[in-house]
Amino acid sequence: MVEKGEALISEEEAAQYDRQIRLWGLDAQKRLRASRVLLVGLKGLGAEVAKNLILSGVKGITLLDHEQVTEDSARAQFLIPAGSLDQNRAEASLERAQNLNPMVEVKADPERAADKPDEFFLGFDAVCLTCCPRDLQVRLDQLCHKNNIKFFSGDVFGYHGFMFSDLGVEHHYVEEKPKVVKPERSDEPEAKKPKLDPKETTLVKKTASFCQLKTALEVDWTSEKAKFALKRTPADYFLLQVLLKFRTDKGRDPVPETVGEDSELLLQIRNDVMEKLGVSVELLPDSFVSYCFSEMAPVCAVVGGVLGQELVKALSQRDAPHRNFFFFNGMKGSGVVD
């Protein structure tokens, strides 16, 4: 057994995760090895996040989803085998998820996340919600923030995707920086200045502070500070507000089968949301309705990669995290909002 700090890593695990240990160190890997994660939602994005976490070598992951497998979810989700229609989505994903890495304990829970008591969520080091209603996201973020549990949420709508993270008031991590080399004695003034040696690095301890999702979604855009921040806020922030409101009102996401009706409703919700926020509807042009239907596998892969990476960074306490939003726009690119 390889022992360091409070965690144990077997020789077999050290061989399995050799590349990762070389990349971010044994300390980071053993923190991952001691972490348990709850993943809510096993659609296309959830499958990508599950894959990345299981391969990273966390101690355990629980897949929580009360929905049944449909033809759409079976096409968008690679963990579901053929012939699984009408089965529970989490249970149908279990076997393939476990086969990704037998060293990780993978569980499936077919119950509804909203029905779980608060105590259930306290048994995890990180909680990640995908494709969940706004009120559930806000409720669990507040619970996690209060109990020092790392919280993440994410969604994919057509060409658009987002990720939000709340790692608490104080998230401690280390970042690798070039080592400062003390100057040798010399009469030359230039020689007295410290220099960075790119060949040598050192780990610098840092701390980051995060706001909660409720605060991030309820910005007062009429304040002078917010007006200045508006210039660098991507339109996808407001698109997210619109799509979450649609999900709340309709109990579902926009679907191609009712594209005409849903497009009209999205435009009406856009007008209402932007007026309530105190910003111009011109920040979100009418054309947005053409690009936010269904989950697209390539977008799931990109957003799931970022979301999985941020979970790994947070649990391993290695490298600077995103604060707080990451947005992906398949038509333009991506962006980060602090």
Foldseek 3Di string as FASTA:
>chain_A
DDDDDPFDDDPVRCVLCVVVCVVFHPLLLRLQQAFEEEEEDQALLSLLLLLLSQSSHHQEYEYEEQDFDDPQRPVRGPQADPPRGRPQRQVRNQPSSCVSHVNHHYHYHNDDPVPDDLVVVLVGQEYEYEPDAPVSQQVVQVSCQVNQHKYKYKYAFFQKIKIWTARYQKFKFKEKDFDWDQFDDDPDPVSRDIDGDPVDIDIDIDIDGADTPVPVLQDQCVDPVNVVLVVVDALVSLVVVLQSVVCVVVVDGDAPVPLPVVLVSSVVSLVVSCVVSVHDSVSPDSCVSVGGHGGDNVSSNVNSVLNSVLVSCRSSRYDDHAHTMKMARNVPGIDGDD
